[in-house]
Amino acid sequence: MAGRCGSVSVWTGRRAPAGFVRLPEHVAIMDEYRERGTTRSVIREYESLDVTRVRRDMEA
């Protein structure tokens, strides 16, 4: 069975993730490790940060 990993990122606005993925450092890392697996993302919007709810949603 292949290994799995994941992460949760919290952003302050809709445009913030797009700015991050364009950073030269991020592009370089993704280029280097691109063949190591599959990337999937899910975007959810919340009115306020509720860590318990975010974790529950992440685990679902």
PDB file of N, CA and C in Angstrom:
ATOM      1  N   MET A   1       0.836  -1.183   0.000  1.00  0.00           N
ATOM      2  CA  MET A   1       0.000   0.000   0.000  1.00  0.00           C
ATOM      3  C   MET A   1       0.877   1.240   0.000  1.00  0.00           C
ATOM      4  N   ALA A   2       0.571   2.173  -0.848  1.00  0.00           N
ATOM      5  CA  ALA A   2       1.346   3.411  -0.955  1.00  0.00           C
ATOM      6  C   ALA A   2       1.084   4.312   0.245  1.00  0.00           C
ATOM      7  N   GLY A   3       2.062   5.112   0.585  1.00  0.00           N
ATOM      8  CA  GLY A   3       1.884   6.061   1.679  1.00  0.00           C
ATOM      9  C   GLY A   3       0.980   7.223   1.278  1.00  0.00           C
ATOM     10  N   ARG A   4       0.413   7.841   2.264  1.00  0.00           N
ATOM     11  CA  ARG A   4      -0.447   8.994   2.030  1.00  0.00           C
ATOM     12  C   ARG A   4      -0.046  10.097   2.982  1.00  0.00           C
ATOM     13  N   CYS A   5      -0.261  11.294   2.570  1.00  0.00           N
ATOM     14  CA  CYS A   5      -0.068  12.429   3.466  1.00  0.00           C
ATOM     15  C   CYS A   5      -1.068  13.508   3.073  1.00  0.00           C
ATOM     16  N   GLY A   6      -1.245  14.461   3.929  1.00  0.00           N
ATOM     17  CA  GLY A   6      -2.183  15.531   3.636  1.00  0.00           C
ATOM     18  C   GLY A   6      -1.863  16.753   4.454  1.00  0.00           C
ATOM     19  N   SER A   7      -2.537  17.806   4.135  1.00  0.00           N
ATOM     20  CA  SER A   7      -2.360  19.047   4.884  1.00  0.00           C
ATOM     21  C   SER A   7      -3.637  19.860   4.793  1.00  0.00           C
ATOM     22  N   VAL A   8      -3.762  20.792   5.707  1.00  0.00           N
ATOM     23  CA  VAL A   8      -4.872  21.735   5.704  1.00  0.00           C
ATOM     24  C   VAL A   8      -4.252  23.121   5.720  1.00  0.00           C
ATOM     25  N   SER A   9      -4.702  23.955   4.824  1.00  0.00           N
ATOM     26  CA  SER A   9      -4.239  25.338   4.778  1.00  0.00           C
ATOM     27  C   SER A   9      -5.428  26.257   5.030  1.00  0.00           C
ATOM     28  N   VAL A  10      -5.189  27.297   5.787  1.00  0.00           N
ATOM     29  CA  VAL A  10      -6.236  28.276   6.068  1.00  0.00           C
ATOM     30  C   VAL A  10      -5.794  29.594   5.448  1.00  0.00           C
ATOM     31  N   TRP A  11      -6.644  30.150   4.592  1.00  0.00           N
ATOM     32  CA  TRP A  11      -6.326  31.373   3.870  1.00  0.00           C
ATOM     33  C   TRP A  11      -7.281  32.479   4.285  1.00  0.00           C
ATOM     34  N   THR A  12      -6.839  33.704   4.156  1.00  0.00           N
ATOM     35  CA  THR A  12      -7.666  34.843   4.563  1.00  0.00           C
ATOM     36  C   THR A  12      -8.512  35.401   3.428  1.00  0.00           C
ATOM     37  N   GLY A  13      -8.341  34.891   2.235  1.00  0.00           N
ATOM     38  CA  GLY A  13      -9.132  35.370   1.108  1.00  0.00           C
ATOM     39  C   GLY A  13      -9.048  34.415  -0.058  1.00  0.00           C
ATOM     40  N   ARG A  14      -9.931  34.587  -1.017  1.00  0.00           N
ATOM     41  CA  ARG A  14     -10.001  33.676  -2.165  1.00  0.00           C
ATOM     42  C   ARG A  14      -8.776  33.739  -3.062  1.00  0.00           C
ATOM     43  N   ARG A  15      -8.124  34.867  -3.121  1.00  0.00           N
ATOM     44  CA  ARG A  15      -6.968  35.013  -4.026  1.00  0.00           C
ATOM     45  C   ARG A  15      -5.653  34.534  -3.420  1.00  0.00           C
ATOM     46  N   ALA A  16      -5.615  34.363  -2.139  1.00  0.00           N
ATOM     47  CA  ALA A  16      -4.365  33.996  -1.463  1.00  0.00           C
ATOM     48  C   ALA A  16      -3.769  32.680  -1.962  1.00  0.00           C
ATOM     49  N   PRO A  17      -4.557  31.607  -2.121  1.00  0.00           N
ATOM     50  CA  PRO A  17      -3.940  30.358  -2.608  1.00  0.00           C
ATOM     51  C   PRO A  17      -3.332  30.492  -4.000  1.00  0.00           C
ATOM     52  N   ALA A  18      -3.978  31.244  -4.873  1.00  0.00           N
ATOM     53  CA  ALA A  18      -3.442  31.423  -6.229  1.00  0.00           C
ATOM     54  C   ALA A  18      -2.089  32.125  -6.181  1.00  0.00           C
ATOM     55  N   GLY A  19      -1.950  33.079  -5.291  1.00  0.00           N
ATOM     56  CA  GLY A  19      -0.666  33.760  -5.136  1.00  0.00           C
ATOM     57  C   GLY A  19       0.407  32.811  -4.627  1.00  0.00           C
ATOM     58  N   PHE A  20       0.034  31.943  -3.713  1.00  0.00           N
ATOM     59  CA  PHE A  20       0.986  30.996  -3.148  1.00  0.00           C
ATOM     60  C   PHE A  20       1.491  30.013  -4.194  1.00  0.00           C
ATOM     61  N   VAL A  21       0.586  29.423  -4.967  1.00  0.00           N
ATOM     62  CA  VAL A  21       1.027  28.398  -5.918  1.00  0.00           C
ATOM     63  C   VAL A  21       1.899  28.965  -7.032  1.00  0.00           C
ATOM     64  N   ARG A  22       1.897  30.276  -7.207  1.00  0.00           N
ATOM     65  CA  ARG A  22       2.761  30.909  -8.215  1.00  0.00           C
ATOM     66  C   ARG A  22       4.144  31.282  -7.679  1.00  0.00           C
ATOM     67  N   LEU A  23       4.345  31.172  -6.381  1.00  0.00           N
ATOM     68  CA  LEU A  23       5.648  31.517  -5.818  1.00  0.00           C
ATOM     69  C   LEU A  23       6.729  30.618  -6.415  1.00  0.00           C
ATOM     70  N   PRO A  24       7.878  31.187  -6.768  1.00  0.00           N
ATOM     71  CA  PRO A  24       8.955  30.390  -7.368  1.00  0.00           C
ATOM     72  C   PRO A  24       9.359  29.188  -6.507  1.00  0.00           C
ATOM     73  N   GLU A  25       9.358  29.347  -5.187  1.00  0.00           N
ATOM     74  CA  GLU A  25       9.731  28.246  -4.304  1.00  0.00           C
ATOM     75  C   GLU A  25       8.726  27.100  -4.415  1.00  0.00           C
ATOM     76  N   HIS A  26       7.447  27.416  -4.466  1.00  0.00           N
ATOM     77  CA  HIS A  26       6.420  26.387  -4.577  1.00  0.00           C
ATOM     78  C   HIS A  26       6.511  25.687  -5.934  1.00  0.00           C
ATOM     79  N   VAL A  27       6.686  26.451  -6.979  1.00  0.00           N
ATOM     80  CA  VAL A  27       6.804  25.873  -8.327  1.00  0.00           C
ATOM     81  C   VAL A  27       7.994  24.923  -8.391  1.00  0.00           C
ATOM     82  N   ALA A  28       9.121  25.317  -7.811  1.00  0.00           N
ATOM     83  CA  ALA A  28      10.320  24.471  -7.834  1.00  0.00           C
ATOM     84  C   ALA A  28      10.079  23.156  -7.093  1.00  0.00           C
ATOM     85  N   ILE A  29       9.436  23.219  -5.933  1.00  0.00           N
ATOM     86  CA  ILE A  29       9.160  22.004  -5.166  1.00  0.00           C
ATOM     87  C   ILE A  29       8.209  21.094  -5.940  1.00  0.00           C
ATOM     88  N   MET A  30       7.152  21.662  -6.499  1.00  0.00           N
ATOM     89  CA  MET A  30       6.192  20.852  -7.246  1.00  0.00           C
ATOM     90  C   MET A  30       6.846  20.222  -8.478  1.00  0.00           C
ATOM     91  N   ASP A  31       7.704  20.972  -9.154  1.00  0.00           N
ATOM     92  CA  ASP A  31       8.408  20.415 -10.312  1.00  0.00           C
ATOM     93  C   ASP A  31       9.291  19.232  -9.907  1.00  0.00           C
ATOM     94  N   GLU A  32       9.981  19.373  -8.778  1.00  0.00           N
ATOM     95  CA  GLU A  32      10.893  18.318  -8.352  1.00  0.00           C
ATOM     96  C   GLU A  32      10.156  17.045  -7.929  1.00  0.00           C
ATOM     97  N   TYR A  33       9.013  17.187  -7.309  1.00  0.00           N
ATOM     98  CA  TYR A  33       8.311  16.029  -6.754  1.00  0.00           C
ATOM     99  C   TYR A  33       7.052  15.639  -7.526  1.00  0.00           C
ATOM    100  N   ARG A  34       6.849  16.220  -8.673  1.00  0.00           N
ATOM    101  CA  ARG A  34       5.621  16.015  -9.453  1.00  0.00           C
ATOM    102  C   ARG A  34       5.296  14.541  -9.715  1.00  0.00           C
ATOM    103  N   GLU A  35       6.292  13.730  -9.968  1.00  0.00           N
ATOM    104  CA  GLU A  35       6.076  12.326 -10.334  1.00  0.00           C
ATOM    105  C   GLU A  35       5.873  11.407  -9.134  1.00  0.00           C
ATOM    106  N   ARG A  36       5.899  11.928  -7.938  1.00  0.00           N
ATOM    107  CA  ARG A  36       5.815  11.078  -6.747  1.00  0.00           C
ATOM    108  C   ARG A  36       4.403  10.728  -6.322  1.00  0.00           C
ATOM    109  N   GLY A  37       3.421  11.300  -6.943  1.00  0.00           N
ATOM    110  CA  GLY A  37       2.059  10.975  -6.528  1.00  0.00           C
ATOM    111  C   GLY A  37       1.037  11.874  -7.203  1.00  0.00           C
ATOM    112  N   THR A  38      -0.128  11.893  -6.630  1.00  0.00           N
ATOM    113  CA  THR A  38      -1.238  12.662  -7.159  1.00  0.00           C
ATOM    114  C   THR A  38      -1.592  13.758  -6.172  1.00  0.00           C
ATOM    115  N   THR A  39      -1.964  14.893  -6.686  1.00  0.00           N
ATOM    116  CA  THR A  39      -2.374  16.001  -5.840  1.00  0.00           C
ATOM    117  C   THR A  39      -3.869  16.217  -6.010  1.00  0.00           C
ATOM    118  N   ARG A  40      -4.533  16.401  -4.902  1.00  0.00           N
ATOM    119  CA  ARG A  40      -5.967  16.679  -4.928  1.00  0.00           C
ATOM    120  C   ARG A  40      -6.226  17.803  -3.951  1.00  0.00           C
ATOM    121  N   SER A  41      -7.119  18.691  -4.293  1.00  0.00           N
ATOM    122  CA  SER A  41      -7.451  19.762  -3.363  1.00  0.00           C
ATOM    123  C   SER A  41      -8.964  19.922  -3.256  1.00  0.00           C
ATOM    124  N   VAL A  42      -9.368  20.363  -2.108  1.00  0.00           N
ATOM    125  CA  VAL A  42     -10.771  20.645  -1.830  1.00  0.00           C
ATOM    126  C   VAL A  42     -10.812  22.029  -1.199  1.00  0.00           C
ATOM    127  N   ILE A  43     -11.701  22.853  -1.669  1.00  0.00           N
ATOM    128  CA  ILE A  43     -11.836  24.201  -1.112  1.00  0.00           C
ATOM    129  C   ILE A  43     -13.163  24.292  -0.376  1.00  0.00           C
ATOM    130  N   ARG A  44     -13.092  24.734   0.854  1.00  0.00           N
ATOM    131  CA  ARG A  44     -14.293  24.970   1.651  1.00  0.00           C
ATOM    132  C   ARG A  44     -14.202  26.379   2.211  1.00  0.00           C
ATOM    133  N   GLU A  45     -15.316  27.038   2.278  1.00  0.00           N
ATOM    134  CA  GLU A  45     -15.354  28.390   2.841  1.00  0.00           C
ATOM    135  C   GLU A  45     -16.148  28.383   4.135  1.00  0.00           C
ATOM    136  N   TYR A  46     -15.622  29.088   5.131  1.00  0.00           N
ATOM    137  CA  TYR A  46     -16.254  29.197   6.439  1.00  0.00           C
ATOM    138  C   TYR A  46     -16.361  30.672   6.802  1.00  0.00           C
ATOM    139  N   GLU A  47     -17.359  30.999   7.566  1.00  0.00           N
ATOM    140  CA  GLU A  47     -17.522  32.383   8.039  1.00  0.00           C
ATOM    141  C   GLU A  47     -16.467  32.741   9.080  1.00  0.00           C
ATOM    142  N   SER A  48     -16.080  31.761   9.892  1.00  0.00           N
ATOM    143  CA  SER A  48     -15.047  31.974  10.906  1.00  0.00           C
ATOM    144  C   SER A  48     -14.279  30.671  11.080  1.00  0.00           C
ATOM    145  N   LEU A  49     -13.123  30.775  11.702  1.00  0.00           N
ATOM    146  CA  LEU A  49     -12.279  29.596  11.892  1.00  0.00           C
ATOM    147  C   LEU A  49     -12.761  28.801  13.101  1.00  0.00           C
ATOM    148  N   ASP A  50     -13.252  27.615  12.840  1.00  0.00           N
ATOM    149  CA  ASP A  50     -13.667  26.670  13.871  1.00  0.00           C
ATOM    150  C   ASP A  50     -12.835  25.412  13.631  1.00  0.00           C
ATOM    151  N   VAL A  51     -11.756  25.276  14.378  1.00  0.00           N
ATOM    152  CA  VAL A  51     -10.794  24.203  14.147  1.00  0.00           C
ATOM    153  C   VAL A  51     -11.454  22.826  14.246  1.00  0.00           C
ATOM    154  N   THR A  52     -12.354  22.649  15.176  1.00  0.00           N
ATOM    155  CA  THR A  52     -13.042  21.367  15.329  1.00  0.00           C
ATOM    156  C   THR A  52     -13.835  21.033  14.072  1.00  0.00           C
ATOM    157  N   ARG A  53     -14.543  22.007  13.539  1.00  0.00           N
ATOM    158  CA  ARG A  53     -15.335  21.774  12.324  1.00  0.00           C
ATOM    159  C   ARG A  53     -14.432  21.503  11.122  1.00  0.00           C
ATOM    160  N   VAL A  54     -13.361  22.269  10.996  1.00  0.00           N
ATOM    161  CA  VAL A  54     -12.434  22.059   9.877  1.00  0.00           C
ATOM    162  C   VAL A  54     -11.850  20.657   9.949  1.00  0.00           C
ATOM    163  N   ARG A  55     -11.439  20.225  11.119  1.00  0.00           N
ATOM    164  CA  ARG A  55     -10.864  18.879  11.264  1.00  0.00           C
ATOM    165  C   ARG A  55     -11.889  17.796  10.934  1.00  0.00           C
ATOM    166  N   ARG A  56     -13.123  17.972  11.409  1.00  0.00           N
ATOM    167  CA  ARG A  56     -14.171  17.007  11.120  1.00  0.00           C
ATOM    168  C   ARG A  56     -14.408  16.924   9.614  1.00  0.00           C
ATOM    169  N   ASP A  57     -14.461  18.067   8.953  1.00  0.00           N
ATOM    170  CA  ASP A  57     -14.652  18.092   7.496  1.00  0.00           C
ATOM    171  C   ASP A  57     -13.472  17.454   6.780  1.00  0.00           C
ATOM    172  N   MET A  58     -12.260  17.717   7.271  1.00  0.00           N
ATOM    173  CA  MET A  58     -11.055  17.157   6.654  1.00  0.00           C
ATOM    174  C   MET A  58     -11.065  15.637   6.729  1.00  0.00           C
ATOM    175  N   GLU A  59     -11.439  15.113   7.878  1.00  0.00           N
ATOM    176  CA  GLU A  59     -11.426  13.669   8.073  1.00  0.00           C
ATOM    177  C   GLU A  59     -12.522  12.969   7.305  1.00  0.00           C
ATOM    178  N   ALA A  60     -13.587  13.694   6.968  1.00  0.00           N
ATOM    179  CA  ALA A  60     -14.681  13.107   6.172  1.00  0.00           C
ATOM    180  C   ALA A  60     -14.210  12.960   4.762  1.00  0.00           C
TER     181      ALA A  60
END
